[in-house]
């Protein structure tokens, strides 16, 4: 009888510990729910295959289409597959999350090379920089802003990520500066919005830019392709947390859901806003001087492309919020 009571006590203690360790352990809600109180996944049945990854192992983890270096903190078997609680190396632990087996790769030279996670443009642009993750939707929507501006809500990097000594600098053409000023006045003062979805969208614009490079140079280098891929990934992650004015958030929620990427809905107006933010964001990214120079030159070229095609890429009229709401209700 005494041993049975001790067993029950040990079991109770185990359950209590499991519910308080890391908050939500729900795999299906890993990217959107920070404060769940689910119990941990049950242990695997005896017939289950042995996990290919171990606790403490360094891996490559997929988050929204991009692979990042990560460390496996915990392993569990759920929904007939192994799941892993990972920490993204170089980022605050608030971004730790559960991901499925299909989102994890071995940390090998072959996989690193295949995914482009290496020193150079891919590392600096598409890996480090694109890890600007949106906060949970409830936090992003509920945050009271001190001023109606395109403010930065980027999660801070960990202390050990050393800032680069090289500051990314490039001049935005005067015609595009005026575009930014007009854009701000339309949205914040006149309460007008860009009608969504945009055509051309950001994906279309980057494709047009690639085509123009191909026509001009006869080829598009791998580094340029990586920069554009990183820029797109960066845009998708950054838009909801730093590229929207207050009165654009409702429109965002109405147009972006599920697997819909912002780059397929928004256009040149919001892409241009990203270029305003790039210098202050990239200052905390470690990269070689030649990589910084290559990024800078490519950004200048993209801005030149936006300016030269301004009439066809940017909208000429914004619509009143009331008019937009009427269109949505129809």
C-alpha atoms as a PDB file:
ATOM      1  CA  UNK A   1       0.000   0.000   0.000  1.00  0.00           C
ATOM      2  CA  UNK A   2       2.802   2.368   0.932  1.00  0.00           C
ATOM      3  CA  UNK A   3       4.670   1.701  -2.323  1.00  0.00           C
ATOM      4  CA  UNK A   4       1.464   2.268  -4.308  1.00  0.00           C
ATOM      5  CA  UNK A   5       1.009   5.704  -2.672  1.00  0.00           C
ATOM      6  CA  UNK A   6       4.577   6.634  -3.492  1.00  0.00           C
ATOM      7  CA  UNK A   7       4.036   5.663  -7.113  1.00  0.00           C
ATOM      8  CA  UNK A   8       0.931   7.816  -7.299  1.00  0.00           C
ATOM      9  CA  UNK A   9       2.878  10.700  -5.754  1.00  0.00           C
ATOM     10  CA  UNK A  10       5.721  10.316  -8.253  1.00  0.00           C
ATOM     11  CA  UNK A  11       3.251  10.172 -11.143  1.00  0.00           C
ATOM     12  CA  UNK A  12       1.480  13.317  -9.880  1.00  0.00           C
ATOM     13  CA  UNK A  13       4.793  15.150  -9.553  1.00  0.00           C
ATOM     14  CA  UNK A  14       5.721  14.157 -13.103  1.00  0.00           C
ATOM     15  CA  UNK A  15       2.443  15.497 -14.462  1.00  0.00           C
ATOM     16  CA  UNK A  16       2.809  18.762 -12.519  1.00  0.00           C
ATOM     17  CA  UNK A  17       6.325  19.234 -13.842  1.00  0.00           C
ATOM     18  CA  UNK A  18       5.212  18.548 -17.397  1.00  0.00           C
ATOM     19  CA  UNK A  19       2.492  21.186 -17.310  1.00  0.00           C
ATOM     20  CA  UNK A  20       4.787  23.930 -16.022  1.00  0.00           C
ATOM     21  CA  UNK A  21       8.015  23.371 -17.951  1.00  0.00           C
ATOM     22  CA  UNK A  22       7.624  25.302 -21.184  1.00  0.00           C
ATOM     23  CA  UNK A  23       4.048  26.553 -21.484  1.00  0.00           C
ATOM     24  CA  UNK A  24       2.388  25.210 -24.618  1.00  0.00           C
ATOM     25  CA  UNK A  25       3.740  21.992 -26.024  1.00  0.00           C
ATOM     26  CA  UNK A  26       1.190  21.861 -28.833  1.00  0.00           C
ATOM     27  CA  UNK A  27       2.866  21.118 -32.164  1.00  0.00           C
ATOM     28  CA  UNK A  28      -0.055  22.266 -34.260  1.00  0.00           C
ATOM     29  CA  UNK A  29      -0.059  25.698 -32.611  1.00  0.00           C
ATOM     30  CA  UNK A  30       3.689  26.221 -32.384  1.00  0.00           C
ATOM     31  CA  UNK A  31       3.892  29.433 -34.469  1.00  0.00           C
ATOM     32  CA  UNK A  32       0.723  31.187 -33.316  1.00  0.00           C
ATOM     33  CA  UNK A  33      -0.021  30.295 -29.676  1.00  0.00           C
ATOM     34  CA  UNK A  34       2.527  31.333 -27.078  1.00  0.00           C
ATOM     35  CA  UNK A  35       0.497  30.768 -23.942  1.00  0.00           C
ATOM     36  CA  UNK A  36      -1.240  27.403 -24.269  1.00  0.00           C
ATOM     37  CA  UNK A  37      -1.442  24.965 -21.380  1.00  0.00           C
ATOM     38  CA  UNK A  38      -1.467  21.622 -23.183  1.00  0.00           C
ATOM     39  CA  UNK A  39      -0.008  18.521 -21.656  1.00  0.00           C
ATOM     40  CA  UNK A  40       3.115  17.168 -23.324  1.00  0.00           C
ATOM     41  CA  UNK A  41       2.661  14.600 -26.104  1.00  0.00           C
ATOM     42  CA  UNK A  42       2.424  11.006 -24.867  1.00  0.00           C
ATOM     43  CA  UNK A  43       5.449   8.704 -25.090  1.00  0.00           C
ATOM     44  CA  UNK A  44       5.805   6.705 -28.309  1.00  0.00           C
ATOM     45  CA  UNK A  45       4.470   3.169 -28.466  1.00  0.00           C
ATOM     46  CA  UNK A  46       7.051   0.367 -28.303  1.00  0.00           C
ATOM     47  CA  UNK A  47       6.687  -0.202 -32.049  1.00  0.00           C
ATOM     48  CA  UNK A  48       7.593   3.379 -33.000  1.00  0.00           C
ATOM     49  CA  UNK A  49      10.829   3.995 -34.839  1.00  0.00           C
ATOM     50  CA  UNK A  50      13.674   5.501 -32.855  1.00  0.00           C
ATOM     51  CA  UNK A  51      14.018   9.264 -33.262  1.00  0.00           C
ATOM     52  CA  UNK A  52      16.703  10.320 -35.717  1.00  0.00           C
ATOM     53  CA  UNK A  53      17.613  13.288 -33.526  1.00  0.00           C
ATOM     54  CA  UNK A  54      18.697  13.558 -29.906  1.00  0.00           C
ATOM     55  CA  UNK A  55      18.194  16.163 -27.199  1.00  0.00           C
ATOM     56  CA  UNK A  56      21.019  18.675 -27.337  1.00  0.00           C
ATOM     57  CA  UNK A  57      21.747  17.937 -30.995  1.00  0.00           C
ATOM     58  CA  UNK A  58      22.452  20.817 -33.373  1.00  0.00           C
ATOM     59  CA  UNK A  59      20.116  20.668 -36.391  1.00  0.00           C
ATOM     60  CA  UNK A  60      18.686  22.692 -39.266  1.00  0.00           C
ATOM     61  CA  UNK A  61      15.056  23.635 -38.546  1.00  0.00           C
ATOM     62  CA  UNK A  62      12.482  24.867 -41.050  1.00  0.00           C
ATOM     63  CA  UNK A  63      10.423  27.907 -40.102  1.00  0.00           C
ATOM     64  CA  UNK A  64       8.040  29.268 -42.756  1.00  0.00           C
ATOM     65  CA  UNK A  65      10.052  27.956 -45.669  1.00  0.00           C
ATOM     66  CA  UNK A  66      13.523  28.953 -44.440  1.00  0.00           C
ATOM     67  CA  UNK A  67      16.032  26.721 -42.643  1.00  0.00           C
ATOM     68  CA  UNK A  68      17.810  28.035 -39.548  1.00  0.00           C
ATOM     69  CA  UNK A  69      20.419  26.545 -37.269  1.00  0.00           C
ATOM     70  CA  UNK A  70      18.750  25.254 -34.112  1.00  0.00           C
ATOM     71  CA  UNK A  71      19.277  23.037 -31.075  1.00  0.00           C
ATOM     72  CA  UNK A  72      16.902  20.249 -30.056  1.00  0.00           C
ATOM     73  CA  UNK A  73      15.777  20.868 -26.474  1.00  0.00           C
ATOM     74  CA  UNK A  74      13.113  18.206 -26.145  1.00  0.00           C
ATOM     75  CA  UNK A  75      11.709  15.241 -28.072  1.00  0.00           C
ATOM     76  CA  UNK A  76       8.167  13.816 -28.050  1.00  0.00           C
ATOM     77  CA  UNK A  77       6.075  11.411 -30.097  1.00  0.00           C
ATOM     78  CA  UNK A  78       2.715  12.800 -31.273  1.00  0.00           C
ATOM     79  CA  UNK A  79       0.308  12.084 -34.123  1.00  0.00           C
ATOM     80  CA  UNK A  80       2.368   9.096 -35.275  1.00  0.00           C
ATOM     81  CA  UNK A  81       5.577  11.063 -35.723  1.00  0.00           C
ATOM     82  CA  UNK A  82       8.465  12.451 -33.727  1.00  0.00           C
ATOM     83  CA  UNK A  83       8.282  16.138 -32.818  1.00  0.00           C
ATOM     84  CA  UNK A  84      11.048  18.398 -31.573  1.00  0.00           C
ATOM     85  CA  UNK A  85      11.127  21.411 -29.295  1.00  0.00           C
ATOM     86  CA  UNK A  86      13.886  23.570 -30.806  1.00  0.00           C
ATOM     87  CA  UNK A  87      15.796  26.704 -29.926  1.00  0.00           C
ATOM     88  CA  UNK A  88      16.902  28.894 -32.846  1.00  0.00           C
ATOM     89  CA  UNK A  89      20.581  29.584 -32.280  1.00  0.00           C
ATOM     90  CA  UNK A  90      21.347  33.277 -31.884  1.00  0.00           C
ATOM     91  CA  UNK A  91      17.773  34.238 -30.998  1.00  0.00           C
ATOM     92  CA  UNK A  92      15.827  34.848 -27.831  1.00  0.00           C
ATOM     93  CA  UNK A  93      14.314  31.720 -26.281  1.00  0.00           C
ATOM     94  CA  UNK A  94      10.837  33.227 -26.668  1.00  0.00           C
ATOM     95  CA  UNK A  95      10.985  31.891 -30.243  1.00  0.00           C
ATOM     96  CA  UNK A  96      11.528  28.282 -29.110  1.00  0.00           C
ATOM     97  CA  UNK A  97       8.820  26.076 -30.608  1.00  0.00           C
ATOM     98  CA  UNK A  98       7.628  22.554 -31.410  1.00  0.00           C
ATOM     99  CA  UNK A  99       8.101  21.416 -35.015  1.00  0.00           C
ATOM    100  CA  UNK A 100       7.388  18.177 -36.820  1.00  0.00           C
ATOM    101  CA  UNK A 101       9.899  15.593 -37.982  1.00  0.00           C
ATOM    102  CA  UNK A 102       9.599  16.793 -41.599  1.00  0.00           C
ATOM    103  CA  UNK A 103      10.873  20.239 -40.585  1.00  0.00           C
ATOM    104  CA  UNK A 104      14.226  19.047 -39.241  1.00  0.00           C
ATOM    105  CA  UNK A 105      17.432  18.180 -41.091  1.00  0.00           C
ATOM    106  CA  UNK A 106      20.736  16.840 -39.870  1.00  0.00           C
ATOM    107  CA  UNK A 107      23.367  19.555 -39.350  1.00  0.00           C
ATOM    108  CA  UNK A 108      25.741  18.289 -42.047  1.00  0.00           C
ATOM    109  CA  UNK A 109      27.951  20.122 -44.500  1.00  0.00           C
ATOM    110  CA  UNK A 110      25.866  18.726 -47.339  1.00  0.00           C
ATOM    111  CA  UNK A 111      22.587  20.020 -45.905  1.00  0.00           C
ATOM    112  CA  UNK A 112      24.140  23.353 -44.980  1.00  0.00           C
ATOM    113  CA  UNK A 113      25.404  23.765 -48.534  1.00  0.00           C
ATOM    114  CA  UNK A 114      22.096  22.657 -50.057  1.00  0.00           C
ATOM    115  CA  UNK A 115      20.073  25.070 -47.929  1.00  0.00           C
ATOM    116  CA  UNK A 116      22.599  27.871 -48.459  1.00  0.00           C
ATOM    117  CA  UNK A 117      23.277  28.292 -44.764  1.00  0.00           C
ATOM    118  CA  UNK A 118      26.914  29.314 -44.973  1.00  0.00           C
ATOM    119  CA  UNK A 119      29.137  32.340 -44.655  1.00  0.00           C
ATOM    120  CA  UNK A 120      28.157  34.850 -47.273  1.00  0.00           C
ATOM    121  CA  UNK A 121      25.060  36.405 -48.773  1.00  0.00           C
ATOM    122  CA  UNK A 122      22.680  33.566 -47.946  1.00  0.00           C
ATOM    123  CA  UNK A 123      23.801  33.440 -44.345  1.00  0.00           C
ATOM    124  CA  UNK A 124      23.544  37.174 -43.814  1.00  0.00           C
ATOM    125  CA  UNK A 125      20.404  37.865 -45.820  1.00  0.00           C
ATOM    126  CA  UNK A 126      18.172  34.831 -46.075  1.00  0.00           C
ATOM    127  CA  UNK A 127      19.100  33.159 -42.805  1.00  0.00           C
ATOM    128  CA  UNK A 128      19.990  35.669 -40.132  1.00  0.00           C
ATOM    129  CA  UNK A 129      17.964  38.585 -41.448  1.00  0.00           C
ATOM    130  CA  UNK A 130      14.832  36.684 -42.382  1.00  0.00           C
ATOM    131  CA  UNK A 131      14.608  35.407 -38.814  1.00  0.00           C
ATOM    132  CA  UNK A 132      12.712  38.565 -37.953  1.00  0.00           C
ATOM    133  CA  UNK A 133       9.686  36.593 -36.773  1.00  0.00           C
ATOM    134  CA  UNK A 134       6.270  38.092 -36.187  1.00  0.00           C
ATOM    135  CA  UNK A 135       5.140  38.132 -32.607  1.00  0.00           C
ATOM    136  CA  UNK A 136       2.020  36.184 -31.748  1.00  0.00           C
ATOM    137  CA  UNK A 137      -1.002  37.701 -33.571  1.00  0.00           C
ATOM    138  CA  UNK A 138      -2.640  38.671 -30.282  1.00  0.00           C
ATOM    139  CA  UNK A 139       0.451  40.639 -29.247  1.00  0.00           C
ATOM    140  CA  UNK A 140       0.916  42.345 -32.614  1.00  0.00           C
ATOM    141  CA  UNK A 141      -2.727  43.413 -32.808  1.00  0.00           C
ATOM    142  CA  UNK A 142      -3.111  44.387 -29.180  1.00  0.00           C
ATOM    143  CA  UNK A 143       0.021  46.480 -28.792  1.00  0.00           C
ATOM    144  CA  UNK A 144      -0.703  50.154 -28.183  1.00  0.00           C
ATOM    145  CA  UNK A 145       1.602  52.263 -30.290  1.00  0.00           C
ATOM    146  CA  UNK A 146       2.912  55.586 -29.120  1.00  0.00           C
ATOM    147  CA  UNK A 147       2.711  57.115 -32.568  1.00  0.00           C
ATOM    148  CA  UNK A 148       1.158  56.287 -35.899  1.00  0.00           C
ATOM    149  CA  UNK A 149       4.347  55.330 -37.671  1.00  0.00           C
ATOM    150  CA  UNK A 150       6.058  52.363 -39.235  1.00  0.00           C
ATOM    151  CA  UNK A 151       7.705  51.296 -36.005  1.00  0.00           C
ATOM    152  CA  UNK A 152      10.008  48.375 -35.336  1.00  0.00           C
ATOM    153  CA  UNK A 153       8.671  45.482 -33.263  1.00  0.00           C
ATOM    154  CA  UNK A 154      11.498  43.091 -34.020  1.00  0.00           C
ATOM    155  CA  UNK A 155      12.440  40.566 -31.383  1.00  0.00           C
ATOM    156  CA  UNK A 156      15.896  41.421 -29.987  1.00  0.00           C
ATOM    157  CA  UNK A 157      18.785  39.143 -30.815  1.00  0.00           C
ATOM    158  CA  UNK A 158      20.632  37.525 -27.981  1.00  0.00           C
ATOM    159  CA  UNK A 159      23.519  39.304 -26.324  1.00  0.00           C
ATOM    160  CA  UNK A 160      26.175  37.147 -27.960  1.00  0.00           C
ATOM    161  CA  UNK A 161      25.327  38.280 -31.493  1.00  0.00           C
ATOM    162  CA  UNK A 162      27.904  40.966 -32.166  1.00  0.00           C
ATOM    163  CA  UNK A 163      26.921  43.931 -34.303  1.00  0.00           C
ATOM    164  CA  UNK A 164      28.831  44.497 -37.505  1.00  0.00           C
ATOM    165  CA  UNK A 165      31.242  47.388 -37.700  1.00  0.00           C
ATOM    166  CA  UNK A 166      29.996  48.130 -41.193  1.00  0.00           C
ATOM    167  CA  UNK A 167      26.828  50.145 -41.574  1.00  0.00           C
ATOM    168  CA  UNK A 168      24.721  49.451 -44.639  1.00  0.00           C
ATOM    169  CA  UNK A 169      24.184  52.766 -46.395  1.00  0.00           C
ATOM    170  CA  UNK A 170      22.353  53.607 -49.573  1.00  0.00           C
ATOM    171  CA  UNK A 171      20.399  56.583 -50.789  1.00  0.00           C
ATOM    172  CA  UNK A 172      16.750  56.259 -51.690  1.00  0.00           C
ATOM    173  CA  UNK A 173      16.126  58.175 -54.943  1.00  0.00           C
ATOM    174  CA  UNK A 174      14.273  61.465 -54.444  1.00  0.00           C
ATOM    175  CA  UNK A 175      11.325  60.255 -56.538  1.00  0.00           C
ATOM    176  CA  UNK A 176      10.900  57.290 -54.185  1.00  0.00           C
ATOM    177  CA  UNK A 177      11.303  59.504 -51.124  1.00  0.00           C
ATOM    178  CA  UNK A 178       8.349  61.536 -52.379  1.00  0.00           C
ATOM    179  CA  UNK A 179       6.496  58.256 -52.929  1.00  0.00           C
ATOM    180  CA  UNK A 180       7.094  57.371 -49.269  1.00  0.00           C
ATOM    181  CA  UNK A 181       5.901  60.773 -48.051  1.00  0.00           C
ATOM    182  CA  UNK A 182       2.752  60.613 -50.170  1.00  0.00           C
ATOM    183  CA  UNK A 183       2.141  57.059 -48.999  1.00  0.00           C
ATOM    184  CA  UNK A 184       2.374  58.138 -45.358  1.00  0.00           C
ATOM    185  CA  UNK A 185       0.014  61.080 -45.878  1.00  0.00           C
ATOM    186  CA  UNK A 186      -2.565  59.006 -47.714  1.00  0.00           C
ATOM    187  CA  UNK A 187      -2.673  56.359 -44.998  1.00  0.00           C
ATOM    188  CA  UNK A 188      -2.199  58.325 -41.772  1.00  0.00           C
ATOM    189  CA  UNK A 189      -3.743  61.710 -42.574  1.00  0.00           C
ATOM    190  CA  UNK A 190      -6.315  61.042 -45.289  1.00  0.00           C
ATOM    191  CA  UNK A 191      -7.304  57.607 -43.961  1.00  0.00           C
ATOM    192  CA  UNK A 192      -6.910  55.971 -47.347  1.00  0.00           C
ATOM    193  CA  UNK A 193      -5.464  52.553 -48.130  1.00  0.00           C
ATOM    194  CA  UNK A 194      -3.879  50.651 -50.972  1.00  0.00           C
ATOM    195  CA  UNK A 195      -6.448  48.282 -52.424  1.00  0.00           C
ATOM    196  CA  UNK A 196      -5.509  44.622 -51.923  1.00  0.00           C
ATOM    197  CA  UNK A 197      -4.504  42.297 -53.418  1.00  0.00           C
ATOM    198  CA  UNK A 198      -1.974  44.314 -55.404  1.00  0.00           C
ATOM    199  CA  UNK A 199      -0.942  43.621 -58.951  1.00  0.00           C
ATOM    200  CA  UNK A 200       1.933  43.443 -59.447  1.00  0.00           C
ATOM    201  CA  UNK A 201       2.632  42.036 -56.011  1.00  0.00           C
ATOM    202  CA  UNK A 202       6.070  41.751 -54.400  1.00  0.00           C
ATOM    203  CA  UNK A 203       6.672  38.320 -55.938  1.00  0.00           C
ATOM    204  CA  UNK A 204       5.827  39.728 -59.373  1.00  0.00           C
ATOM    205  CA  UNK A 205       8.115  42.708 -58.854  1.00  0.00           C
ATOM    206  CA  UNK A 206      11.089  40.563 -57.873  1.00  0.00           C
ATOM    207  CA  UNK A 207      10.420  38.340 -60.900  1.00  0.00           C
ATOM    208  CA  UNK A 208      10.327  41.406 -63.169  1.00  0.00           C
ATOM    209  CA  UNK A 209      13.586  42.589 -61.632  1.00  0.00           C
ATOM    210  CA  UNK A 210      15.184  39.183 -62.271  1.00  0.00           C
ATOM    211  CA  UNK A 211      13.988  39.267 -65.879  1.00  0.00           C
ATOM    212  CA  UNK A 212      15.478  42.736 -66.339  1.00  0.00           C
ATOM    213  CA  UNK A 213      18.828  41.512 -64.970  1.00  0.00           C
ATOM    214  CA  UNK A 214      18.729  38.548 -67.323  1.00  0.00           C
ATOM    215  CA  UNK A 215      17.969  40.784 -70.288  1.00  0.00           C
ATOM    216  CA  UNK A 216      20.722  43.224 -69.389  1.00  0.00           C
ATOM    217  CA  UNK A 217      23.505  40.839 -68.295  1.00  0.00           C
ATOM    218  CA  UNK A 218      22.457  37.600 -69.957  1.00  0.00           C
ATOM    219  CA  UNK A 219      22.497  35.811 -66.591  1.00  0.00           C
ATOM    220  CA  UNK A 220      21.524  36.133 -62.939  1.00  0.00           C
ATOM    221  CA  UNK A 221      24.203  35.100 -60.462  1.00  0.00           C
ATOM    222  CA  UNK A 222      23.523  32.723 -57.600  1.00  0.00           C
ATOM    223  CA  UNK A 223      24.258  35.449 -55.085  1.00  0.00           C
ATOM    224  CA  UNK A 224      21.608  37.718 -56.627  1.00  0.00           C
ATOM    225  CA  UNK A 225      19.087  34.887 -56.527  1.00  0.00           C
ATOM    226  CA  UNK A 226      19.892  34.331 -52.857  1.00  0.00           C
ATOM    227  CA  UNK A 227      19.518  38.031 -52.058  1.00  0.00           C
ATOM    228  CA  UNK A 228      16.113  38.163 -53.732  1.00  0.00           C
ATOM    229  CA  UNK A 229      14.993  34.975 -52.025  1.00  0.00           C
ATOM    230  CA  UNK A 230      16.100  36.394 -48.693  1.00  0.00           C
ATOM    231  CA  UNK A 231      14.435  39.738 -49.388  1.00  0.00           C
ATOM    232  CA  UNK A 232      11.131  38.007 -50.104  1.00  0.00           C
ATOM    233  CA  UNK A 233      11.387  35.871 -46.981  1.00  0.00           C
ATOM    234  CA  UNK A 234      12.325  38.943 -44.976  1.00  0.00           C
ATOM    235  CA  UNK A 235       9.339  40.891 -46.345  1.00  0.00           C
ATOM    236  CA  UNK A 236       6.892  38.115 -45.447  1.00  0.00           C
ATOM    237  CA  UNK A 237       8.154  37.968 -41.862  1.00  0.00           C
ATOM    238  CA  UNK A 238       8.681  41.682 -41.306  1.00  0.00           C
ATOM    239  CA  UNK A 239       5.487  43.137 -42.782  1.00  0.00           C
ATOM    240  CA  UNK A 240       3.045  42.347 -39.948  1.00  0.00           C
ATOM    241  CA  UNK A 241       5.370  43.604 -37.225  1.00  0.00           C
ATOM    242  CA  UNK A 242       7.073  46.670 -38.665  1.00  0.00           C
ATOM    243  CA  UNK A 243       5.741  47.728 -42.080  1.00  0.00           C
ATOM    244  CA  UNK A 244       2.109  48.535 -41.317  1.00  0.00           C
ATOM    245  CA  UNK A 245       0.439  51.685 -40.030  1.00  0.00           C
ATOM    246  CA  UNK A 246      -2.210  51.238 -37.335  1.00  0.00           C
ATOM    247  CA  UNK A 247      -5.172  51.652 -39.643  1.00  0.00           C
ATOM    248  CA  UNK A 248      -3.795  49.044 -42.053  1.00  0.00           C
ATOM    249  CA  UNK A 249      -3.905  46.198 -39.545  1.00  0.00           C
ATOM    250  CA  UNK A 250      -7.563  45.323 -40.027  1.00  0.00           C
ATOM    251  CA  UNK A 251      -6.964  45.120 -43.773  1.00  0.00           C
ATOM    252  CA  UNK A 252      -3.989  42.815 -43.134  1.00  0.00           C
ATOM    253  CA  UNK A 253      -6.098  40.471 -41.009  1.00  0.00           C
ATOM    254  CA  UNK A 254      -8.770  40.344 -43.704  1.00  0.00           C
ATOM    255  CA  UNK A 255      -6.312  39.461 -46.467  1.00  0.00           C
ATOM    256  CA  UNK A 256      -3.610  37.321 -44.833  1.00  0.00           C
ATOM    257  CA  UNK A 257      -4.550  33.990 -43.321  1.00  0.00           C
ATOM    258  CA  UNK A 258      -3.406  30.387 -43.417  1.00  0.00           C
ATOM    259  CA  UNK A 259      -0.613  29.823 -45.893  1.00  0.00           C
ATOM    260  CA  UNK A 260      -1.104  33.137 -47.730  1.00  0.00           C
ATOM    261  CA  UNK A 261       2.200  35.022 -47.966  1.00  0.00           C
ATOM    262  CA  UNK A 262       2.212  38.849 -47.736  1.00  0.00           C
ATOM    263  CA  UNK A 263       4.474  38.938 -50.799  1.00  0.00           C
ATOM    264  CA  UNK A 264       1.585  37.563 -52.880  1.00  0.00           C
ATOM    265  CA  UNK A 265      -0.848  40.219 -51.628  1.00  0.00           C
ATOM    266  CA  UNK A 266       1.124  43.442 -51.072  1.00  0.00           C
ATOM    267  CA  UNK A 267       3.017  45.451 -53.667  1.00  0.00           C
ATOM    268  CA  UNK A 268       5.663  48.093 -54.252  1.00  0.00           C
ATOM    269  CA  UNK A 269       4.276  50.512 -51.646  1.00  0.00           C
ATOM    270  CA  UNK A 270       5.065  48.195 -48.747  1.00  0.00           C
ATOM    271  CA  UNK A 271       8.223  46.804 -50.321  1.00  0.00           C
ATOM    272  CA  UNK A 272       9.623  50.340 -50.430  1.00  0.00           C
ATOM    273  CA  UNK A 273       8.892  50.745 -46.713  1.00  0.00           C
ATOM    274  CA  UNK A 274      11.114  47.723 -46.060  1.00  0.00           C
ATOM    275  CA  UNK A 275      14.094  49.450 -47.693  1.00  0.00           C
ATOM    276  CA  UNK A 276      13.728  52.301 -45.209  1.00  0.00           C
ATOM    277  CA  UNK A 277      14.148  49.819 -42.359  1.00  0.00           C
ATOM    278  CA  UNK A 278      16.957  47.684 -43.774  1.00  0.00           C
ATOM    279  CA  UNK A 279      19.980  49.752 -42.604  1.00  0.00           C
ATOM    280  CA  UNK A 280      18.954  49.829 -38.939  1.00  0.00           C
ATOM    281  CA  UNK A 281      18.042  46.142 -38.968  1.00  0.00           C
ATOM    282  CA  UNK A 282      21.148  44.886 -40.724  1.00  0.00           C
ATOM    283  CA  UNK A 283      23.466  46.746 -38.379  1.00  0.00           C
ATOM    284  CA  UNK A 284      23.132  43.881 -35.870  1.00  0.00           C
ATOM    285  CA  UNK A 285      23.858  41.159 -38.407  1.00  0.00           C
ATOM    286  CA  UNK A 286      27.311  39.616 -38.572  1.00  0.00           C
ATOM    287  CA  UNK A 287      28.606  39.526 -42.139  1.00  0.00           C
ATOM    288  CA  UNK A 288      31.807  39.914 -44.075  1.00  0.00           C
ATOM    289  CA  UNK A 289      32.647  43.294 -45.591  1.00  0.00           C
ATOM    290  CA  UNK A 290      32.382  41.926 -49.141  1.00  0.00           C
ATOM    291  CA  UNK A 291      28.944  40.506 -48.335  1.00  0.00           C
ATOM    292  CA  UNK A 292      27.786  43.856 -47.009  1.00  0.00           C
ATOM    293  CA  UNK A 293      29.062  45.550 -50.171  1.00  0.00           C
ATOM    294  CA  UNK A 294      27.241  43.035 -52.370  1.00  0.00           C
ATOM    295  CA  UNK A 295      23.987  43.524 -50.477  1.00  0.00           C
ATOM    296  CA  UNK A 296      24.349  47.279 -50.677  1.00  0.00           C
ATOM    297  CA  UNK A 297      24.986  47.283 -54.417  1.00  0.00           C
ATOM    298  CA  UNK A 298      22.046  44.973 -55.055  1.00  0.00           C
ATOM    299  CA  UNK A 299      19.673  47.068 -52.940  1.00  0.00           C
ATOM    300  CA  UNK A 300      20.702  50.185 -54.832  1.00  0.00           C
ATOM    301  CA  UNK A 301      20.019  48.383 -58.117  1.00  0.00           C
ATOM    302  CA  UNK A 302      16.578  47.244 -56.940  1.00  0.00           C
ATOM    303  CA  UNK A 303      15.712  50.783 -55.868  1.00  0.00           C
ATOM    304  CA  UNK A 304      16.825  52.027 -59.264  1.00  0.00           C
ATOM    305  CA  UNK A 305      14.523  49.461 -60.872  1.00  0.00           C
ATOM    306  CA  UNK A 306      11.594  50.641 -58.706  1.00  0.00           C
ATOM    307  CA  UNK A 307      12.272  54.260 -59.659  1.00  0.00           C
ATOM    308  CA  UNK A 308      12.570  53.533 -63.381  1.00  0.00           C
ATOM    309  CA  UNK A 309       9.292  51.610 -63.322  1.00  0.00           C
ATOM    310  CA  UNK A 310       7.505  53.723 -60.749  1.00  0.00           C
ATOM    311  CA  UNK A 311       4.425  54.455 -62.869  1.00  0.00           C
ATOM    312  CA  UNK A 312       3.699  50.782 -63.502  1.00  0.00           C
ATOM    313  CA  UNK A 313       4.652  49.370 -60.086  1.00  0.00           C
ATOM    314  CA  UNK A 314       3.021  51.835 -57.677  1.00  0.00           C
ATOM    315  CA  UNK A 315      -0.662  52.676 -57.377  1.00  0.00           C
ATOM    316  CA  UNK A 316      -1.766  56.127 -58.481  1.00  0.00           C
ATOM    317  CA  UNK A 317      -4.804  56.337 -56.192  1.00  0.00           C
ATOM    318  CA  UNK A 318      -5.575  55.167 -52.671  1.00  0.00           C
ATOM    319  CA  UNK A 319      -9.102  54.324 -51.546  1.00  0.00           C
ATOM    320  CA  UNK A 320     -10.893  55.586 -48.449  1.00  0.00           C
ATOM    321  CA  UNK A 321     -11.221  53.132 -45.569  1.00  0.00           C
ATOM    322  CA  UNK A 322     -15.024  53.301 -45.772  1.00  0.00           C
ATOM    323  CA  UNK A 323     -14.889  52.485 -49.464  1.00  0.00           C
ATOM    324  CA  UNK A 324     -12.587  49.549 -48.802  1.00  0.00           C
ATOM    325  CA  UNK A 325     -14.937  48.193 -46.124  1.00  0.00           C
ATOM    326  CA  UNK A 326     -17.855  48.404 -48.533  1.00  0.00           C
ATOM    327  CA  UNK A 327     -15.911  46.386 -51.110  1.00  0.00           C
ATOM    328  CA  UNK A 328     -15.113  43.712 -48.508  1.00  0.00           C
ATOM    329  CA  UNK A 329     -18.746  43.443 -47.360  1.00  0.00           C
ATOM    330  CA  UNK A 330     -20.045  42.903 -50.919  1.00  0.00           C
END
